[in-house]
C-alpha atoms as a PDB file:
ATOM      1  CA  MET A   1      -7.359  13.519   8.501  1.00  0.00           C
ATOM      2  CA  GLY A   2     -10.079  11.492   6.763  1.00  0.00           C
ATOM      3  CA  THR A   3     -10.692   7.762   6.680  1.00  0.00           C
ATOM      4  CA  THR A   4      -9.324   5.819   3.714  1.00  0.00           C
ATOM      5  CA  HIS A   5     -11.016   2.597   2.628  1.00  0.00           C
ATOM      6  CA  ASP A   6      -9.414  -0.390   0.943  1.00  0.00           C
ATOM      7  CA  GLN A   7      -9.699  -4.141   0.665  1.00  0.00           C
ATOM      8  CA  GLY A   8      -7.008  -6.170   2.341  1.00  0.00           C
ATOM      9  CA  VAL A   9      -5.815  -9.482   3.742  1.00  0.00           C
ATOM     10  CA  CYS A  10      -4.871  -9.808   7.400  1.00  0.00           C
ATOM     11  CA  ILE A  11      -1.262 -11.019   7.431  1.00  0.00           C
ATOM     12  CA  ARG A  12      -0.596 -10.626  11.161  1.00  0.00           C
ATOM     13  CA  GLN A  13      -2.452  -9.701  14.343  1.00  0.00           C
ATOM     14  CA  TRP A  14      -1.725  -9.409  18.051  1.00  0.00           C
ATOM     15  CA  ASP A  15      -4.000  -8.888  21.028  1.00  0.00           C
ATOM     16  CA  PHE A  16      -3.397  -5.358  22.312  1.00  0.00           C
ATOM     17  CA  SER A  17      -5.803  -5.607  25.227  1.00  0.00           C
ATOM     18  CA  GLU A  18      -8.867  -7.591  26.243  1.00  0.00           C
ATOM     19  CA  THR A  19     -10.897  -5.813  23.586  1.00  0.00           C
ATOM     20  CA  SER A  20      -8.408  -4.424  21.052  1.00  0.00           C
ATOM     21  CA  GLN A  21      -5.969  -5.742  18.454  1.00  0.00           C
ATOM     22  CA  THR A  22      -2.941  -4.505  16.555  1.00  0.00           C
ATOM     23  CA  VAL A  23      -3.098  -5.693  12.976  1.00  0.00           C
ATOM     24  CA  SER A  24      -1.016  -5.815   9.791  1.00  0.00           C
ATOM     25  CA  LEU A  25      -3.123  -5.683   6.648  1.00  0.00           C
ATOM     26  CA  PHE A  26      -1.932  -6.047   3.069  1.00  0.00           C
ATOM     27  CA  GLY A  27      -4.151  -3.579   1.234  1.00  0.00           C
ATOM     28  CA  ARG A  28      -4.625  -3.584  -2.496  1.00  0.00           C
ATOM     29  CA  SER A  29      -4.350   0.202  -2.827  1.00  0.00           C
ATOM     30  CA  LEU A  30      -2.548   1.102   0.398  1.00  0.00           C
ATOM     31  CA  GLY A  31       0.050  -1.658   0.663  1.00  0.00           C
ATOM     32  CA  VAL A  32       0.980  -2.975   4.097  1.00  0.00           C
ATOM     33  CA  VAL A  33      -0.824  -1.027   6.822  1.00  0.00           C
ATOM     34  CA  ARG A  34      -0.100  -1.606  10.497  1.00  0.00           C
ATOM     35  CA  GLY A  35      -2.824  -0.309  12.744  1.00  0.00           C
ATOM     36  CA  LEU A  36      -4.621  -0.363  16.065  1.00  0.00           C
ATOM     37  CA  ALA A  37      -8.219  -1.580  16.113  1.00  0.00           C
ATOM     38  CA  LYS A  38      -9.766  -0.430  19.387  1.00  0.00           C
ATOM     39  CA  GLY A  39     -12.630  -2.644  20.455  1.00  0.00           C
ATOM     40  CA  ALA A  40     -12.006  -5.128  17.649  1.00  0.00           C
ATOM     41  CA  ARG A  41     -12.572  -8.163  19.878  1.00  0.00           C
ATOM     42  CA  ARG A  42     -16.012  -7.128  21.019  1.00  0.00           C
ATOM     43  CA  GLU A  43     -18.787  -9.264  19.578  1.00  0.00           C
ATOM     44  CA  ARG A  44     -20.699  -6.260  18.323  1.00  0.00           C
ATOM     45  CA  GLY A  45     -19.026  -3.333  16.706  1.00  0.00           C
ATOM     46  CA  ALA A  46     -17.345  -2.018  13.596  1.00  0.00           C
ATOM     47  CA  PHE A  47     -14.897  -4.903  13.242  1.00  0.00           C
ATOM     48  CA  ASP A  48     -17.119  -7.867  12.497  1.00  0.00           C
ATOM     49  CA  GLY A  49     -15.888  -9.791  15.542  1.00  0.00           C
ATOM     50  CA  GLY A  50     -12.192  -9.101  15.059  1.00  0.00           C
ATOM     51  CA  PHE A  51      -9.473  -9.828  12.528  1.00  0.00           C
ATOM     52  CA  ASP A  52      -8.695 -13.436  11.635  1.00  0.00           C
ATOM     53  CA  LEU A  53      -5.368 -14.230  10.048  1.00  0.00           C
ATOM     54  CA  LEU A  54      -5.455 -14.853   6.295  1.00  0.00           C
ATOM     55  CA  SER A  55      -8.964 -13.523   5.820  1.00  0.00           C
ATOM     56  CA  ARG A  56      -9.936 -10.893   3.243  1.00  0.00           C
ATOM     57  CA  GLY A  57     -12.114  -7.909   4.002  1.00  0.00           C
ATOM     58  CA  GLU A  58     -12.751  -4.228   3.483  1.00  0.00           C
ATOM     59  CA  PHE A  59     -11.286  -1.890   6.059  1.00  0.00           C
ATOM     60  CA  GLY A  60     -11.137   1.753   6.994  1.00  0.00           C
ATOM     61  CA  ALA A  61      -7.990   3.424   8.272  1.00  0.00           C
ATOM     62  CA  ILE A  62      -6.874   6.854   9.399  1.00  0.00           C
ATOM     63  CA  ILE A  63      -3.220   7.110   8.399  1.00  0.00           C
ATOM     64  CA  LYS A  64      -1.271   9.978   9.903  1.00  0.00           C
ATOM     65  CA  PRO A  65       2.242  10.949   8.801  1.00  0.00           C
ATOM     66  CA  ASN A  66       5.076   9.983  11.134  1.00  0.00           C
ATOM     67  CA  ARG A  67       2.895   7.567  13.091  1.00  0.00           C
ATOM     68  CA  ASP A  68       3.929   3.921  13.416  1.00  0.00           C
ATOM     69  CA  LEU A  69       0.337   2.733  13.704  1.00  0.00           C
ATOM     70  CA  ALA A  70      -2.716   3.793  11.757  1.00  0.00           C
ATOM     71  CA  THR A  71      -6.097   3.933  13.452  1.00  0.00           C
ATOM     72  CA  LEU A  72      -8.320   1.209  12.045  1.00  0.00           C
ATOM     73  CA  THR A  73     -11.961   2.222  12.066  1.00  0.00           C
ATOM     74  CA  GLU A  74     -13.832  -0.741  10.569  1.00  0.00           C
ATOM     75  CA  TRP A  75     -13.507  -4.218   9.069  1.00  0.00           C
ATOM     76  CA  ASP A  76     -16.100  -5.955   6.910  1.00  0.00           C
ATOM     77  CA  LEU A  77     -15.220  -9.613   6.400  1.00  0.00           C
ATOM     78  CA  LEU A  78     -15.544 -10.670   2.764  1.00  0.00           C
ATOM     79  CA  GLU A  79     -13.780 -13.994   2.341  1.00  0.00           C
ATOM     80  CA  VAL A  80     -12.181 -16.821   4.291  1.00  0.00           C
ATOM     81  CA  PHE A  81     -10.198 -19.757   2.947  1.00  0.00           C
ATOM     82  CA  PRO A  82     -11.510 -22.863   4.749  1.00  0.00           C
ATOM     83  CA  ARG A  83      -8.797 -25.363   3.903  1.00  0.00           C
ATOM     84  CA  LEU A  84      -6.150 -23.248   5.626  1.00  0.00           C
ATOM     85  CA  ARG A  85      -7.739 -24.296   8.934  1.00  0.00           C
ATOM     86  CA  THR A  86      -7.849 -28.023   8.222  1.00  0.00           C
ATOM     87  CA  ASP A  87      -4.786 -28.810   6.095  1.00  0.00           C
ATOM     88  CA  LEU A  88      -1.325 -28.345   7.623  1.00  0.00           C
ATOM     89  CA  ILE A  89       0.512 -28.039   4.295  1.00  0.00           C
ATOM     90  CA  ALA A  90      -1.960 -25.447   3.001  1.00  0.00           C
ATOM     91  CA  ASN A  91      -1.715 -23.558   6.292  1.00  0.00           C
ATOM     92  CA  GLN A  92       2.091 -23.513   6.270  1.00  0.00           C
ATOM     93  CA  THR A  93       2.194 -22.395   2.636  1.00  0.00           C
ATOM     94  CA  ALA A  94      -0.247 -19.541   3.253  1.00  0.00           C
ATOM     95  CA  PHE A  95       1.621 -18.346   6.344  1.00  0.00           C
ATOM     96  CA  TYR A  96       4.862 -18.420   4.358  1.00  0.00           C
ATOM     97  CA  MET A  97       3.364 -16.174   1.672  1.00  0.00           C
ATOM     98  CA  ALA A  98       1.954 -13.770   4.262  1.00  0.00           C
ATOM     99  CA  ASP A  99       5.296 -13.691   6.070  1.00  0.00           C
ATOM    100  CA  LEU A 100       7.143 -12.772   2.872  1.00  0.00           C
ATOM    101  CA  VAL A 101       4.685  -9.960   2.173  1.00  0.00           C
ATOM    102  CA  GLY A 102       5.406  -8.497   5.598  1.00  0.00           C
ATOM    103  CA  LYS A 103       9.175  -8.882   5.254  1.00  0.00           C
ATOM    104  CA  MET A 104       9.663  -7.836   1.606  1.00  0.00           C
ATOM    105  CA  LEU A 105       7.337  -4.838   1.339  1.00  0.00           C
ATOM    106  CA  GLN A 106       7.795  -1.418   2.867  1.00  0.00           C
ATOM    107  CA  PRO A 107       4.823   0.031   4.775  1.00  0.00           C
ATOM    108  CA  GLU A 108       2.209   1.776   2.650  1.00  0.00           C
ATOM    109  CA  ASP A 109       3.877   0.780  -0.624  1.00  0.00           C
ATOM    110  CA  PRO A 110       1.048  -0.446  -2.896  1.00  0.00           C
ATOM    111  CA  HIS A 111       1.484  -3.490  -5.110  1.00  0.00           C
ATOM    112  CA  PRO A 112      -1.955  -4.287  -6.583  1.00  0.00           C
ATOM    113  CA  VAL A 113      -0.569  -6.924  -8.969  1.00  0.00           C
ATOM    114  CA  LEU A 114       1.015  -8.784  -6.068  1.00  0.00           C
ATOM    115  CA  PHE A 115      -2.130  -8.373  -3.975  1.00  0.00           C
ATOM    116  CA  ASP A 116      -4.281  -9.963  -6.688  1.00  0.00           C
ATOM    117  CA  CYS A 117      -1.787 -12.819  -7.073  1.00  0.00           C
ATOM    118  CA  PHE A 118      -1.719 -13.335  -3.290  1.00  0.00           C
ATOM    119  CA  VAL A 119      -5.509 -13.527  -3.044  1.00  0.00           C
ATOM    120  CA  GLU A 120      -5.758 -15.887  -6.013  1.00  0.00           C
ATOM    121  CA  SER A 121      -3.097 -18.128  -4.474  1.00  0.00           C
ATOM    122  CA  LEU A 122      -4.985 -18.189  -1.165  1.00  0.00           C
ATOM    123  CA  ARG A 123      -8.161 -19.128  -3.031  1.00  0.00           C
ATOM    124  CA  THR A 124      -6.439 -21.999  -4.795  1.00  0.00           C
ATOM    125  CA  ILE A 125      -4.584 -23.315  -1.776  1.00  0.00           C
ATOM    126  CA  GLY A 126      -7.379 -22.638   0.711  1.00  0.00           C
ATOM    127  CA  ALA A 127     -10.405 -23.784  -1.264  1.00  0.00           C
ATOM    128  CA  ALA A 128     -12.721 -26.227   0.455  1.00  0.00           C
ATOM    129  CA  ARG A 129     -13.093 -29.514  -1.432  1.00  0.00           C
ATOM    130  CA  SER A 130     -14.765 -32.865  -1.050  1.00  0.00           C
ATOM    131  CA  SER A 131     -12.815 -36.071  -0.517  1.00  0.00           C
ATOM    132  CA  GLU A 132     -13.459 -37.030  -4.158  1.00  0.00           C
ATOM    133  CA  GLU A 133     -11.945 -33.846  -5.596  1.00  0.00           C
ATOM    134  CA  PRO A 134      -8.258 -33.715  -6.589  1.00  0.00           C
ATOM    135  CA  PRO A 135      -6.009 -31.511  -4.459  1.00  0.00           C
ATOM    136  CA  PRO A 136      -5.527 -27.954  -5.747  1.00  0.00           C
ATOM    137  CA  ASP A 137      -2.340 -26.932  -7.515  1.00  0.00           C
ATOM    138  CA  GLY A 138      -0.773 -25.427  -4.413  1.00  0.00           C
ATOM    139  CA  ALA A 139       2.786 -25.740  -5.705  1.00  0.00           C
ATOM    140  CA  GLY A 140       1.902 -23.941  -8.932  1.00  0.00           C
ATOM    141  CA  SER A 141       0.167 -21.145  -7.004  1.00  0.00           C
ATOM    142  CA  LEU A 142       3.155 -20.781  -4.691  1.00  0.00           C
ATOM    143  CA  LEU A 143       5.508 -20.571  -7.664  1.00  0.00           C
ATOM    144  CA  MET A 144       3.407 -17.841  -9.262  1.00  0.00           C
ATOM    145  CA  PHE A 145       3.339 -15.938  -5.972  1.00  0.00           C
ATOM    146  CA  GLN A 146       7.099 -16.170  -5.376  1.00  0.00           C
ATOM    147  CA  SER A 147       7.855 -15.104  -8.935  1.00  0.00           C
ATOM    148  CA  THR A 148       5.461 -12.142  -8.709  1.00  0.00           C
ATOM    149  CA  LEU A 149       6.807 -11.080  -5.308  1.00  0.00           C
ATOM    150  CA  LEU A 150      10.406 -10.980  -6.531  1.00  0.00           C
ATOM    151  CA  ALA A 151       9.426  -9.081  -9.681  1.00  0.00           C
ATOM    152  CA  GLU A 152       7.296  -6.548  -7.782  1.00  0.00           C
ATOM    153  CA  THR A 153      10.016  -5.828  -5.220  1.00  0.00           C
ATOM    154  CA  GLY A 154      12.757  -5.300  -7.784  1.00  0.00           C
ATOM    155  CA  TYR A 155      14.458  -8.679  -7.463  1.00  0.00           C
ATOM    156  CA  ARG A 156      13.222 -10.394 -10.602  1.00  0.00           C
ATOM    157  CA  PRO A 157      15.788 -13.170 -11.200  1.00  0.00           C
ATOM    158  CA  ARG A 158      17.785 -13.098 -14.430  1.00  0.00           C
ATOM    159  CA  ILE A 159      16.705 -16.268 -16.146  1.00  0.00           C
ATOM    160  CA  THR A 160      17.892 -15.733 -19.715  1.00  0.00           C
ATOM    161  CA  THR A 161      21.014 -17.632 -20.644  1.00  0.00           C
ATOM    162  CA  ASN A 162      23.510 -17.948 -23.468  1.00  0.00           C
ATOM    163  CA  THR A 163      25.005 -21.150 -22.083  1.00  0.00           C
ATOM    164  CA  LEU A 164      24.518 -24.624 -23.443  1.00  0.00           C
ATOM    165  CA  GLY A 165      23.830 -27.856 -21.618  1.00  0.00           C
ATOM    166  CA  ASP A 166      21.212 -29.220 -19.277  1.00  0.00           C
ATOM    167  CA  VAL A 167      22.858 -27.941 -16.085  1.00  0.00           C
ATOM    168  CA  LEU A 168      23.271 -24.211 -15.428  1.00  0.00           C
ATOM    169  CA  GLU A 169      24.652 -22.105 -12.569  1.00  0.00           C
ATOM    170  CA  PHE A 170      22.515 -19.678 -10.594  1.00  0.00           C
ATOM    171  CA  ALA A 171      24.471 -17.094  -8.597  1.00  0.00           C
ATOM    172  CA  PRO A 172      22.380 -15.178  -6.036  1.00  0.00           C
ATOM    173  CA  ALA A 173      24.989 -12.406  -5.860  1.00  0.00           C
ATOM    174  CA  VAL A 174      24.263 -11.449  -9.489  1.00  0.00           C
ATOM    175  CA  GLY A 175      20.596 -12.270  -9.209  1.00  0.00           C
ATOM    176  CA  GLY A 176      20.347 -15.047 -11.715  1.00  0.00           C
ATOM    177  CA  VAL A 177      21.913 -17.443 -14.176  1.00  0.00           C
ATOM    178  CA  LEU A 178      25.578 -16.925 -14.926  1.00  0.00           C
ATOM    179  CA  GLN A 179      26.384 -16.147 -18.525  1.00  0.00           C
ATOM    180  CA  VAL A 180      29.346 -17.510 -20.514  1.00  0.00           C
ATOM    181  CA  GLY A 181      32.559 -16.114 -19.078  1.00  0.00           C
ATOM    182  CA  GLU A 182      30.825 -14.339 -16.192  1.00  0.00           C
ATOM    183  CA  THR A 183      32.439 -14.590 -12.766  1.00  0.00           C
ATOM    184  CA  THR A 184      31.170 -13.706  -9.325  1.00  0.00           C
ATOM    185  CA  ASP A 185      31.914 -14.075  -5.666  1.00  0.00           C
ATOM    186  CA  GLY A 186      29.670 -16.108  -3.440  1.00  0.00           C
ATOM    187  CA  PRO A 187      27.806 -19.358  -3.947  1.00  0.00           C
ATOM    188  CA  ARG A 188      26.855 -20.900  -7.249  1.00  0.00           C
ATOM    189  CA  TRP A 189      23.898 -23.254  -7.343  1.00  0.00           C
ATOM    190  CA  LYS A 190      23.678 -25.991  -9.945  1.00  0.00           C
ATOM    191  CA  VAL A 191      20.192 -25.939 -11.502  1.00  0.00           C
ATOM    192  CA  ARG A 192      18.552 -27.881 -14.274  1.00  0.00           C
ATOM    193  CA  ARG A 193      17.692 -26.038 -17.460  1.00  0.00           C
ATOM    194  CA  GLY A 194      14.120 -27.285 -17.103  1.00  0.00           C
ATOM    195  CA  THR A 195      13.851 -25.495 -13.737  1.00  0.00           C
ATOM    196  CA  ILE A 196      14.934 -22.190 -15.271  1.00  0.00           C
ATOM    197  CA  GLU A 197      12.597 -22.669 -18.238  1.00  0.00           C
ATOM    198  CA  CYS A 198       9.710 -23.325 -15.836  1.00  0.00           C
ATOM    199  CA  ILE A 199      10.409 -20.059 -13.979  1.00  0.00           C
ATOM    200  CA  ALA A 200      10.753 -18.167 -17.268  1.00  0.00           C
ATOM    201  CA  ALA A 201       7.362 -19.429 -18.428  1.00  0.00           C
ATOM    202  CA  ILE A 202       5.716 -18.513 -15.122  1.00  0.00           C
ATOM    203  CA  ASP A 203       7.302 -15.069 -15.281  1.00  0.00           C
ATOM    204  CA  ALA A 204       5.969 -14.570 -18.806  1.00  0.00           C
ATOM    205  CA  LYS A 205       2.565 -16.026 -17.838  1.00  0.00           C
ATOM    206  CA  GLN A 206       2.937 -18.734 -20.456  1.00  0.00           C
ATOM    207  CA  PRO A 207       2.235 -22.486 -20.259  1.00  0.00           C
ATOM    208  CA  HIS A 208       4.953 -24.199 -18.257  1.00  0.00           C
ATOM    209  CA  ASN A 209       6.208 -27.608 -17.280  1.00  0.00           C
ATOM    210  CA  THR A 210       3.723 -28.750 -14.662  1.00  0.00           C
ATOM    211  CA  ALA A 211       5.614 -31.876 -13.621  1.00  0.00           C
ATOM    212  CA  THR A 212       5.563 -31.953  -9.828  1.00  0.00           C
ATOM    213  CA  ILE A 213       9.311 -32.352  -9.469  1.00  0.00           C
ATOM    214  CA  THR A 214      10.058 -29.448 -11.830  1.00  0.00           C
ATOM    215  CA  VAL A 215       7.656 -27.065 -10.082  1.00  0.00           C
ATOM    216  CA  ASP A 216       9.065 -28.136  -6.719  1.00  0.00           C
ATOM    217  CA  ARG A 217      12.627 -27.428  -7.864  1.00  0.00           C
ATOM    218  CA  ALA A 218      11.578 -24.024  -9.197  1.00  0.00           C
ATOM    219  CA  ASN A 219       9.866 -23.166  -5.888  1.00  0.00           C
ATOM    220  CA  ARG A 220      12.963 -24.161  -3.939  1.00  0.00           C
ATOM    221  CA  LEU A 221      15.249 -22.100  -6.152  1.00  0.00           C
ATOM    222  CA  LEU A 222      13.115 -18.953  -5.744  1.00  0.00           C
ATOM    223  CA  ALA A 223      12.840 -19.552  -2.006  1.00  0.00           C
ATOM    224  CA  ALA A 224      16.627 -19.887  -1.700  1.00  0.00           C
ATOM    225  CA  TYR A 225      17.086 -16.687  -3.711  1.00  0.00           C
ATOM    226  CA  THR A 226      14.541 -14.894  -1.496  1.00  0.00           C
ATOM    227  CA  ARG A 227      16.473 -16.082   1.551  1.00  0.00           C
ATOM    228  CA  HIS A 228      19.609 -14.515   0.043  1.00  0.00           C
ATOM    229  CA  VAL A 229      17.738 -11.226  -0.538  1.00  0.00           C
ATOM    230  CA  LEU A 230      16.429 -11.163   3.048  1.00  0.00           C
ATOM    231  CA  GLY A 231      19.742 -12.256   4.552  1.00  0.00           C
ATOM    232  CA  VAL A 232      17.945 -14.687   6.845  1.00  0.00           C
ATOM    233  CA  GLU A 233      15.778 -17.788   6.527  1.00  0.00           C
ATOM    234  CA  PRO A 234      12.305 -17.148   7.940  1.00  0.00           C
ATOM    235  CA  ALA A 235      10.878 -19.892  10.128  1.00  0.00           C
ATOM    236  CA  THR A 236       7.915 -20.121   7.772  1.00  0.00           C
ATOM    237  CA  MET A 237      10.276 -20.901   4.877  1.00  0.00           C
ATOM    238  CA  HIS A 238      11.845 -23.715   6.852  1.00  0.00           C
ATOM    239  CA  ALA A 239       8.379 -25.081   7.656  1.00  0.00           C
ATOM    240  CA  VAL A 240       7.491 -25.288   3.956  1.00  0.00           C
ATOM    241  CA  PHE A 241      10.786 -26.488   2.499  1.00  0.00           C
ATOM    242  CA  GLY A 242      12.593 -28.111   5.415  1.00  0.00           C
ATOM    243  CA  LYS A 243      16.317 -28.741   5.598  1.00  0.00           C
ATOM    244  CA  SER A 244      16.632 -29.658   1.925  1.00  0.00           C
ATOM    245  CA  LEU A 245      16.349 -26.064   0.671  1.00  0.00           C
ATOM    246  CA  SER A 246      19.379 -25.286  -1.523  1.00  0.00           C
END
């Protein structure tokens, strides 16, 4: 069994021993790979000093069928995102995105579009900046990521509507906005039309309403829908959105 190479982001890691780590990597071509990196914590070796969470690099892996863990053979660090280590909000947002990748994707199921969106979001949220520079559009990046994640995993929300008025109903059981005369069991969330239009524009990669409150509402709606899909609220989601999530 040969070694396969890919670029990936470290989304989780545990110390396996004094010198080794078990690691989850989100690879662009391989998808989520869970592997054992023997000797990763040694200062000199094939792993560039070990795997840091939310860093991007190139890695080698030997993936054998019917094995829970791949054998990781190398790691070449390519990119870190400095602000994730100094800004609590940026850190919590990035961990939330990484957590969703691990929970929503099946092992070794590639999603290159989502990978590229994830990396771009990390770059925006985690970019170093001077005190004079404006803060990055973290909320916009998070919205793009959540929208892409749901679309890539088969849960793209239905956001077209034939209803009138400024207030609509979003039913997670049907995966989107209720149409005229449509009924469903389960909760119905009141949402502003502007929130749905913002999500529709993001989904279509078109200019959207960038008002902070509108983007925030759209992020909260997609997070609540993701919670419904998962059947549980991840701790990282609570850290980002708090008790006020719909």
